[in-house]
Amino acid sequence: MDIYILISNIINIFTRIFFFALILRIILSWIKISPYNPISRITYQITEPLLGKIRQYVKPFGMFDFSPMIAIISLQILEIIANRILMFFAN
């Protein structure tokens, strides 16, 4: 039973880190910080694999890129589903 809670906690930690990386990337895009800045590079390396996949299917609409919003919503949904499945098996 404890292993399911441990896995659930790991999923929660991963999604929270990724969520904050996405928020930081959005803020950095508004500030127009240098792409060679270490914070900018790390944030880009963490978030771009998922955002790039989303952009293959959802193209930016003019100046607006909806891929971070889609990524945040998708991560939240996946986190909820994974936690419910794990709690089902834990009981």
PDB file of N, CA and C in Angstrom:
ATOM      1  N   MET A   1       0.812  -1.194   0.000  1.00  0.00           N
ATOM      2  CA  MET A   1       0.000   0.000   0.000  1.00  0.00           C
ATOM      3  C   MET A   1       0.860   1.264   0.000  1.00  0.00           C
ATOM      4  N   ASP A   2       1.964   1.227   0.716  1.00  0.00           N
ATOM      5  CA  ASP A   2       2.837   2.395   0.784  1.00  0.00           C
ATOM      6  C   ASP A   2       3.501   2.710  -0.551  1.00  0.00           C
ATOM      7  N   ILE A   3       3.710   1.676  -1.361  1.00  0.00           N
ATOM      8  CA  ILE A   3       4.353   1.917  -2.654  1.00  0.00           C
ATOM      9  C   ILE A   3       3.450   2.760  -3.557  1.00  0.00           C
ATOM     10  N   TYR A   4       2.144   2.577  -3.474  1.00  0.00           N
ATOM     11  CA  TYR A   4       1.224   3.370  -4.285  1.00  0.00           C
ATOM     12  C   TYR A   4       1.241   4.833  -3.857  1.00  0.00           C
ATOM     13  N   ILE A   5       1.325   5.065  -2.567  1.00  0.00           N
ATOM     14  CA  ILE A   5       1.400   6.438  -2.065  1.00  0.00           C
ATOM     15  C   ILE A   5       2.723   7.077  -2.480  1.00  0.00           C
ATOM     16  N   LEU A   6       3.796   6.308  -2.434  1.00  0.00           N
ATOM     17  CA  LEU A   6       5.101   6.814  -2.867  1.00  0.00           C
ATOM     18  C   LEU A   6       5.072   7.191  -4.344  1.00  0.00           C
ATOM     19  N   ILE A   7       4.525   6.328  -5.175  1.00  0.00           N
ATOM     20  CA  ILE A   7       4.427   6.621  -6.609  1.00  0.00           C
ATOM     21  C   ILE A   7       3.551   7.844  -6.846  1.00  0.00           C
ATOM     22  N   SER A   8       2.458   7.947  -6.103  1.00  0.00           N
ATOM     23  CA  SER A   8       1.580   9.106  -6.226  1.00  0.00           C
ATOM     24  C   SER A   8       2.315  10.391  -5.851  1.00  0.00           C
ATOM     25  N   ASN A   9       3.100  10.353  -4.800  1.00  0.00           N
ATOM     26  CA  ASN A   9       3.876  11.528  -4.391  1.00  0.00           C
ATOM     27  C   ASN A   9       4.918  11.904  -5.434  1.00  0.00           C
ATOM     28  N   ILE A  10       5.546  10.919  -6.037  1.00  0.00           N
ATOM     29  CA  ILE A  10       6.540  11.195  -7.085  1.00  0.00           C
ATOM     30  C   ILE A  10       5.863  11.845  -8.284  1.00  0.00           C
ATOM     31  N   ILE A  11       4.690  11.354  -8.661  1.00  0.00           N
ATOM     32  CA  ILE A  11       3.942  11.957  -9.767  1.00  0.00           C
ATOM     33  C   ILE A  11       3.573  13.395  -9.434  1.00  0.00           C
ATOM     34  N   ASN A  12       3.120  13.639  -8.205  1.00  0.00           N
ATOM     35  CA  ASN A  12       2.758  14.993  -7.781  1.00  0.00           C
ATOM     36  C   ASN A  12       3.954  15.933  -7.819  1.00  0.00           C
ATOM     37  N   ILE A  13       5.094  15.477  -7.347  1.00  0.00           N
ATOM     38  CA  ILE A  13       6.305  16.307  -7.350  1.00  0.00           C
ATOM     39  C   ILE A  13       6.720  16.628  -8.786  1.00  0.00           C
ATOM     40  N   PHE A  14       6.706  15.612  -9.653  1.00  0.00           N
ATOM     41  CA  PHE A  14       7.071  15.829 -11.054  1.00  0.00           C
ATOM     42  C   PHE A  14       6.164  16.853 -11.715  1.00  0.00           C
ATOM     43  N   THR A  15       4.860  16.703 -11.524  1.00  0.00           N
ATOM     44  CA  THR A  15       3.936  17.628 -12.182  1.00  0.00           C
ATOM     45  C   THR A  15       4.066  19.036 -11.624  1.00  0.00           C
ATOM     46  N   ARG A  16       4.327  19.176 -10.343  1.00  0.00           N
ATOM     47  CA  ARG A  16       4.504  20.516  -9.760  1.00  0.00           C
ATOM     48  C   ARG A  16       5.765  21.181 -10.295  1.00  0.00           C
ATOM     49  N   ILE A  17       6.853  20.446 -10.393  1.00  0.00           N
ATOM     50  CA  ILE A  17       8.095  21.007 -10.943  1.00  0.00           C
ATOM     51  C   ILE A  17       7.879  21.433 -12.392  1.00  0.00           C
ATOM     52  N   PHE A  18       7.224  20.581 -13.159  1.00  0.00           N
ATOM     53  CA  PHE A  18       6.981  20.906 -14.559  1.00  0.00           C
ATOM     54  C   PHE A  18       6.028  22.090 -14.685  1.00  0.00           C
ATOM     55  N   PHE A  19       5.020  22.152 -13.818  1.00  0.00           N
ATOM     56  CA  PHE A  19       4.083  23.273 -13.824  1.00  0.00           C
ATOM     57  C   PHE A  19       4.825  24.588 -13.576  1.00  0.00           C
ATOM     58  N   PHE A  20       5.679  24.620 -12.557  1.00  0.00           N
ATOM     59  CA  PHE A  20       6.411  25.849 -12.258  1.00  0.00           C
ATOM     60  C   PHE A  20       7.431  26.179 -13.345  1.00  0.00           C
ATOM     61  N   ALA A  21       8.000  25.170 -13.992  1.00  0.00           N
ATOM     62  CA  ALA A  21       8.903  25.427 -15.119  1.00  0.00           C
ATOM     63  C   ALA A  21       8.135  26.063 -16.283  1.00  0.00           C
ATOM     64  N   LEU A  22       6.912  25.596 -16.521  1.00  0.00           N
ATOM     65  CA  LEU A  22       6.099  26.195 -17.580  1.00  0.00           C
ATOM     66  C   LEU A  22       5.732  27.638 -17.244  1.00  0.00           C
ATOM     67  N   ILE A  23       5.342  27.898 -16.012  1.00  0.00           N
ATOM     68  CA  ILE A  23       5.004  29.262 -15.592  1.00  0.00           C
ATOM     69  C   ILE A  23       6.234  30.160 -15.716  1.00  0.00           C
ATOM     70  N   LEU A  24       7.383  29.668 -15.290  1.00  0.00           N
ATOM     71  CA  LEU A  24       8.616  30.448 -15.407  1.00  0.00           C
ATOM     72  C   LEU A  24       8.945  30.731 -16.868  1.00  0.00           C
ATOM     73  N   ARG A  25       8.749  29.756 -17.728  1.00  0.00           N
ATOM     74  CA  ARG A  25       9.016  29.970 -19.159  1.00  0.00           C
ATOM     75  C   ARG A  25       8.083  31.028 -19.736  1.00  0.00           C
ATOM     76  N   ILE A  26       6.823  31.012 -19.325  1.00  0.00           N
ATOM     77  CA  ILE A  26       5.877  32.026 -19.794  1.00  0.00           C
ATOM     78  C   ILE A  26       6.318  33.411 -19.335  1.00  0.00           C
ATOM     79  N   ILE A  27       6.696  33.532 -18.081  1.00  0.00           N
ATOM     80  CA  ILE A  27       7.136  34.827 -17.542  1.00  0.00           C
ATOM     81  C   ILE A  27       8.407  35.294 -18.245  1.00  0.00           C
ATOM     82  N   LEU A  28       9.345  34.383 -18.461  1.00  0.00           N
ATOM     83  CA  LEU A  28      10.589  34.751 -19.139  1.00  0.00           C
ATOM     84  C   LEU A  28      10.333  35.189 -20.582  1.00  0.00           C
ATOM     85  N   SER A  29       9.318  34.628 -21.217  1.00  0.00           N
ATOM     86  CA  SER A  29       9.021  35.051 -22.590  1.00  0.00           C
ATOM     87  C   SER A  29       8.457  36.471 -22.618  1.00  0.00           C
ATOM     88  N   TRP A  30       7.805  36.887 -21.557  1.00  0.00           N
ATOM     89  CA  TRP A  30       7.294  38.256 -21.485  1.00  0.00           C
ATOM     90  C   TRP A  30       8.411  39.250 -21.208  1.00  0.00           C
ATOM     91  N   ILE A  31       9.406  38.823 -20.423  1.00  0.00           N
ATOM     92  CA  ILE A  31      10.500  39.711 -20.026  1.00  0.00           C
ATOM     93  C   ILE A  31      11.529  39.856 -21.154  1.00  0.00           C
ATOM     94  N   LYS A  32      11.588  38.902 -22.036  1.00  0.00           N
ATOM     95  CA  LYS A  32      12.569  38.883 -23.134  1.00  0.00           C
ATOM     96  C   LYS A  32      13.998  38.797 -22.601  1.00  0.00           C
ATOM     97  N   ILE A  33      14.210  37.838 -21.706  1.00  0.00           N
ATOM     98  CA  ILE A  33      15.540  37.597 -21.156  1.00  0.00           C
ATOM     99  C   ILE A  33      16.384  36.863 -22.208  1.00  0.00           C
ATOM    100  N   SER A  34      17.664  36.973 -22.114  1.00  0.00           N
ATOM    101  CA  SER A  34      18.571  36.360 -23.077  1.00  0.00           C
ATOM    102  C   SER A  34      18.392  34.840 -23.096  1.00  0.00           C
ATOM    103  N   PRO A  35      18.372  34.235 -24.295  1.00  0.00           N
ATOM    104  CA  PRO A  35      18.245  32.773 -24.350  1.00  0.00           C
ATOM    105  C   PRO A  35      19.488  32.047 -23.838  1.00  0.00           C
ATOM    106  N   TYR A  36      20.575  32.786 -23.632  1.00  0.00           N
ATOM    107  CA  TYR A  36      21.801  32.183 -23.119  1.00  0.00           C
ATOM    108  C   TYR A  36      21.882  32.249 -21.601  1.00  0.00           C
ATOM    109  N   ASN A  37      20.913  32.869 -20.975  1.00  0.00           N
ATOM    110  CA  ASN A  37      20.843  32.907 -19.523  1.00  0.00           C
ATOM    111  C   ASN A  37      20.639  31.482 -19.012  1.00  0.00           C
ATOM    112  N   PRO A  38      21.365  31.065 -17.958  1.00  0.00           N
ATOM    113  CA  PRO A  38      21.243  29.685 -17.460  1.00  0.00           C
ATOM    114  C   PRO A  38      19.815  29.308 -17.040  1.00  0.00           C
ATOM    115  N   ILE A  39      19.107  30.223 -16.416  1.00  0.00           N
ATOM    116  CA  ILE A  39      17.731  29.922 -16.002  1.00  0.00           C
ATOM    117  C   ILE A  39      16.852  29.704 -17.230  1.00  0.00           C
ATOM    118  N   SER A  40      17.031  30.542 -18.223  1.00  0.00           N
ATOM    119  CA  SER A  40      16.264  30.422 -19.454  1.00  0.00           C
ATOM    120  C   SER A  40      16.582  29.108 -20.166  1.00  0.00           C
ATOM    121  N   ARG A  41      17.830  28.735 -20.212  1.00  0.00           N
ATOM    122  CA  ARG A  41      18.237  27.503 -20.896  1.00  0.00           C
ATOM    123  C   ARG A  41      17.693  26.266 -20.193  1.00  0.00           C
ATOM    124  N   ILE A  42      17.780  26.237 -18.857  1.00  0.00           N
ATOM    125  CA  ILE A  42      17.277  25.086 -18.109  1.00  0.00           C
ATOM    126  C   ILE A  42      15.768  24.958 -18.269  1.00  0.00           C
ATOM    127  N   THR A  43      15.075  26.092 -18.170  1.00  0.00           N
ATOM    128  CA  THR A  43      13.622  26.085 -18.331  1.00  0.00           C
ATOM    129  C   THR A  43      13.246  25.601 -19.726  1.00  0.00           C
ATOM    130  N   TYR A  44      13.966  26.053 -20.728  1.00  0.00           N
ATOM    131  CA  TYR A  44      13.708  25.633 -22.103  1.00  0.00           C
ATOM    132  C   TYR A  44      13.944  24.131 -22.261  1.00  0.00           C
ATOM    133  N   GLN A  45      15.046  23.627 -21.692  1.00  0.00           N
ATOM    134  CA  GLN A  45      15.369  22.208 -21.822  1.00  0.00           C
ATOM    135  C   GLN A  45      14.335  21.325 -21.122  1.00  0.00           C
ATOM    136  N   ILE A  46      13.773  21.801 -20.029  1.00  0.00           N
ATOM    137  CA  ILE A  46      12.778  21.019 -19.299  1.00  0.00           C
ATOM    138  C   ILE A  46      11.448  21.002 -20.047  1.00  0.00           C
ATOM    139  N   THR A  47      11.035  22.147 -20.562  1.00  0.00           N
ATOM    140  CA  THR A  47       9.677  22.271 -21.099  1.00  0.00           C
ATOM    141  C   THR A  47       9.551  22.019 -22.599  1.00  0.00           C
ATOM    142  N   GLU A  48      10.598  22.212 -23.355  1.00  0.00           N
ATOM    143  CA  GLU A  48      10.483  22.139 -24.814  1.00  0.00           C
ATOM    144  C   GLU A  48      10.098  20.761 -25.351  1.00  0.00           C
ATOM    145  N   PRO A  49      10.542  19.654 -24.770  1.00  0.00           N
ATOM    146  CA  PRO A  49      10.098  18.367 -25.337  1.00  0.00           C
ATOM    147  C   PRO A  49       8.572  18.229 -25.375  1.00  0.00           C
ATOM    148  N   LEU A  50       7.887  18.603 -24.326  1.00  0.00           N
ATOM    149  CA  LEU A  50       6.427  18.516 -24.313  1.00  0.00           C
ATOM    150  C   LEU A  50       5.797  19.605 -25.176  1.00  0.00           C
ATOM    151  N   LEU A  51       6.283  20.831 -25.053  1.00  0.00           N
ATOM    152  CA  LEU A  51       5.700  21.923 -25.830  1.00  0.00           C
ATOM    153  C   LEU A  51       5.914  21.721 -27.332  1.00  0.00           C
ATOM    154  N   GLY A  52       7.047  21.174 -27.706  1.00  0.00           N
ATOM    155  CA  GLY A  52       7.313  20.904 -29.118  1.00  0.00           C
ATOM    156  C   GLY A  52       6.338  19.885 -29.686  1.00  0.00           C
ATOM    157  N   LYS A  53       6.037  18.851 -28.913  1.00  0.00           N
ATOM    158  CA  LYS A  53       5.063  17.849 -29.357  1.00  0.00           C
ATOM    159  C   LYS A  53       3.676  18.461 -29.498  1.00  0.00           C
ATOM    160  N   ILE A  54       3.301  19.319 -28.557  1.00  0.00           N
ATOM    161  CA  ILE A  54       1.988  19.963 -28.622  1.00  0.00           C
ATOM    162  C   ILE A  54       1.930  20.895 -29.834  1.00  0.00           C
ATOM    163  N   ARG A  55       3.018  21.615 -30.107  1.00  0.00           N
ATOM    164  CA  ARG A  55       3.040  22.546 -31.249  1.00  0.00           C
ATOM    165  C   ARG A  55       2.934  21.834 -32.594  1.00  0.00           C
ATOM    166  N   GLN A  56       3.282  20.549 -32.627  1.00  0.00           N
ATOM    167  CA  GLN A  56       3.114  19.799 -33.880  1.00  0.00           C
ATOM    168  C   GLN A  56       1.638  19.695 -34.254  1.00  0.00           C
ATOM    169  N   TYR A  57       0.774  19.684 -33.247  1.00  0.00           N
ATOM    170  CA  TYR A  57      -0.661  19.514 -33.485  1.00  0.00           C
ATOM    171  C   TYR A  57      -1.444  20.820 -33.377  1.00  0.00           C
ATOM    172  N   VAL A  58      -0.981  21.719 -32.533  1.00  0.00           N
ATOM    173  CA  VAL A  58      -1.673  22.998 -32.333  1.00  0.00           C
ATOM    174  C   VAL A  58      -0.687  24.109 -32.689  1.00  0.00           C
ATOM    175  N   LYS A  59      -0.857  24.675 -33.850  1.00  0.00           N
ATOM    176  CA  LYS A  59       0.043  25.737 -34.312  1.00  0.00           C
ATOM    177  C   LYS A  59      -0.270  27.035 -33.578  1.00  0.00           C
ATOM    178  N   PRO A  60       0.743  27.895 -33.381  1.00  0.00           N
ATOM    179  CA  PRO A  60       0.476  29.202 -32.768  1.00  0.00           C
ATOM    180  C   PRO A  60      -0.519  30.000 -33.599  1.00  0.00           C
ATOM    181  N   PHE A  61      -1.360  30.742 -32.917  1.00  0.00           N
ATOM    182  CA  PHE A  61      -2.395  31.547 -33.563  1.00  0.00           C
ATOM    183  C   PHE A  61      -1.925  32.987 -33.552  1.00  0.00           C
ATOM    184  N   GLY A  62      -1.281  33.411 -34.634  1.00  0.00           N
ATOM    185  CA  GLY A  62      -0.711  34.749 -34.688  1.00  0.00           C
ATOM    186  C   GLY A  62       0.435  34.855 -33.687  1.00  0.00           C
ATOM    187  N   MET A  63       0.310  35.802 -32.772  1.00  0.00           N
ATOM    188  CA  MET A  63       1.336  35.982 -31.733  1.00  0.00           C
ATOM    189  C   MET A  63       1.109  35.064 -30.541  1.00  0.00           C
ATOM    190  N   PHE A  64      -0.006  34.384 -30.494  1.00  0.00           N
ATOM    191  CA  PHE A  64      -0.383  33.607 -29.318  1.00  0.00           C
ATOM    192  C   PHE A  64      -0.026  32.139 -29.489  1.00  0.00           C
ATOM    193  N   ASP A  65       0.699  31.626 -28.506  1.00  0.00           N
ATOM    194  CA  ASP A  65       1.073  30.219 -28.474  1.00  0.00           C
ATOM    195  C   ASP A  65       0.299  29.576 -27.319  1.00  0.00           C
ATOM    196  N   PHE A  66      -0.626  28.714 -27.660  1.00  0.00           N
ATOM    197  CA  PHE A  66      -1.470  28.091 -26.643  1.00  0.00           C
ATOM    198  C   PHE A  66      -0.872  26.797 -26.091  1.00  0.00           C
ATOM    199  N   SER A  67       0.296  26.394 -26.559  1.00  0.00           N
ATOM    200  CA  SER A  67       0.871  25.126 -26.114  1.00  0.00           C
ATOM    201  C   SER A  67       1.163  25.086 -24.610  1.00  0.00           C
ATOM    202  N   PRO A  68       1.642  26.164 -23.957  1.00  0.00           N
ATOM    203  CA  PRO A  68       1.834  26.070 -22.502  1.00  0.00           C
ATOM    204  C   PRO A  68       0.519  25.861 -21.751  1.00  0.00           C
ATOM    205  N   MET A  69      -0.547  26.514 -22.198  1.00  0.00           N
ATOM    206  CA  MET A  69      -1.836  26.349 -21.533  1.00  0.00           C
ATOM    207  C   MET A  69      -2.343  24.916 -21.717  1.00  0.00           C
ATOM    208  N   ILE A  70      -2.197  24.375 -22.916  1.00  0.00           N
ATOM    209  CA  ILE A  70      -2.615  22.997 -23.175  1.00  0.00           C
ATOM    210  C   ILE A  70      -1.773  22.031 -22.343  1.00  0.00           C
ATOM    211  N   ALA A  71      -0.476  22.308 -22.220  1.00  0.00           N
ATOM    212  CA  ALA A  71       0.405  21.448 -21.419  1.00  0.00           C
ATOM    213  C   ALA A  71       0.003  21.473 -19.948  1.00  0.00           C
ATOM    214  N   ILE A  72      -0.306  22.636 -19.413  1.00  0.00           N
ATOM    215  CA  ILE A  72      -0.691  22.740 -18.004  1.00  0.00           C
ATOM    216  C   ILE A  72      -1.986  21.983 -17.749  1.00  0.00           C
ATOM    217  N   ILE A  73      -2.979  22.178 -18.610  1.00  0.00           N
ATOM    218  CA  ILE A  73      -4.255  21.484 -18.437  1.00  0.00           C
ATOM    219  C   ILE A  73      -4.069  19.973 -18.580  1.00  0.00           C
ATOM    220  N   SER A  74      -3.284  19.552 -19.562  1.00  0.00           N
ATOM    221  CA  SER A  74      -3.046  18.122 -19.771  1.00  0.00           C
ATOM    222  C   SER A  74      -2.330  17.491 -18.592  1.00  0.00           C
ATOM    223  N   LEU A  75      -1.328  18.185 -18.062  1.00  0.00           N
ATOM    224  CA  LEU A  75      -0.614  17.659 -16.899  1.00  0.00           C
ATOM    225  C   LEU A  75      -1.534  17.503 -15.697  1.00  0.00           C
ATOM    226  N   GLN A  76      -2.392  18.475 -15.479  1.00  0.00           N
ATOM    227  CA  GLN A  76      -3.315  18.395 -14.347  1.00  0.00           C
ATOM    228  C   GLN A  76      -4.269  17.211 -14.511  1.00  0.00           C
ATOM    229  N   ILE A  77      -4.784  17.027 -15.706  1.00  0.00           N
ATOM    230  CA  ILE A  77      -5.701  15.913 -15.963  1.00  0.00           C
ATOM    231  C   ILE A  77      -4.989  14.578 -15.784  1.00  0.00           C
ATOM    232  N   LEU A  78      -3.787  14.454 -16.336  1.00  0.00           N
ATOM    233  CA  LEU A  78      -3.028  13.214 -16.191  1.00  0.00           C
ATOM    234  C   LEU A  78      -2.676  12.928 -14.738  1.00  0.00           C
ATOM    235  N   GLU A  79      -2.358  13.966 -13.983  1.00  0.00           N
ATOM    236  CA  GLU A  79      -2.045  13.787 -12.565  1.00  0.00           C
ATOM    237  C   GLU A  79      -3.265  13.263 -11.810  1.00  0.00           C
ATOM    238  N   ILE A  80      -4.416  13.832 -12.074  1.00  0.00           N
ATOM    239  CA  ILE A  80      -5.643  13.393 -11.404  1.00  0.00           C
ATOM    240  C   ILE A  80      -5.961  11.939 -11.758  1.00  0.00           C
ATOM    241  N   ILE A  81      -5.872  11.600 -13.035  1.00  0.00           N
ATOM    242  CA  ILE A  81      -6.173  10.232 -13.465  1.00  0.00           C
ATOM    243  C   ILE A  81      -5.193   9.244 -12.843  1.00  0.00           C
ATOM    244  N   ALA A  82      -3.897   9.559 -12.883  1.00  0.00           N
ATOM    245  CA  ALA A  82      -2.886   8.656 -12.328  1.00  0.00           C
ATOM    246  C   ALA A  82      -3.090   8.462 -10.827  1.00  0.00           C
ATOM    247  N   ASN A  83      -3.375   9.534 -10.116  1.00  0.00           N
ATOM    248  CA  ASN A  83      -3.576   9.416  -8.673  1.00  0.00           C
ATOM    249  C   ASN A  83      -4.819   8.600  -8.337  1.00  0.00           C
ATOM    250  N   ARG A  84      -5.870   8.771  -9.106  1.00  0.00           N
ATOM    251  CA  ARG A  84      -7.090   7.982  -8.849  1.00  0.00           C
ATOM    252  C   ARG A  84      -6.862   6.501  -9.133  1.00  0.00           C
ATOM    253  N   ILE A  85      -6.128   6.202 -10.190  1.00  0.00           N
ATOM    254  CA  ILE A  85      -5.817   4.800 -10.490  1.00  0.00           C
ATOM    255  C   ILE A  85      -4.968   4.208  -9.377  1.00  0.00           C
ATOM    256  N   LEU A  86      -3.960   4.944  -8.925  1.00  0.00           N
ATOM    257  CA  LEU A  86      -3.093   4.438  -7.862  1.00  0.00           C
ATOM    258  C   LEU A  86      -3.858   4.268  -6.551  1.00  0.00           C
ATOM    259  N   MET A  87      -4.728   5.193  -6.231  1.00  0.00           N
ATOM    260  CA  MET A  87      -5.511   5.062  -5.003  1.00  0.00           C
ATOM    261  C   MET A  87      -6.512   3.910  -5.097  1.00  0.00           C
ATOM    262  N   PHE A  88      -6.998   3.629  -6.302  1.00  0.00           N
ATOM    263  CA  PHE A  88      -7.889   2.481  -6.493  1.00  0.00           C
ATOM    264  C   PHE A  88      -7.155   1.181  -6.171  1.00  0.00           C
ATOM    265  N   PHE A  89      -5.904   1.063  -6.661  1.00  0.00           N
ATOM    266  CA  PHE A  89      -5.133  -0.142  -6.393  1.00  0.00           C
ATOM    267  C   PHE A  89      -4.623  -0.185  -4.957  1.00  0.00           C
ATOM    268  N   ALA A  90      -4.482   0.958  -4.320  1.00  0.00           N
ATOM    269  CA  ALA A  90      -3.991   1.005  -2.943  1.00  0.00           C
ATOM    270  C   ALA A  90      -5.039   0.455  -1.966  1.00  0.00           C
ATOM    271  N   ASN A  91      -6.293   0.586  -2.336  1.00  0.00           N
ATOM    272  CA  ASN A  91      -7.361   0.120  -1.430  1.00  0.00           C
ATOM    273  C   ASN A  91      -7.655  -1.314  -1.604  1.00  0.00           C
TER     274      ASN A  91
END
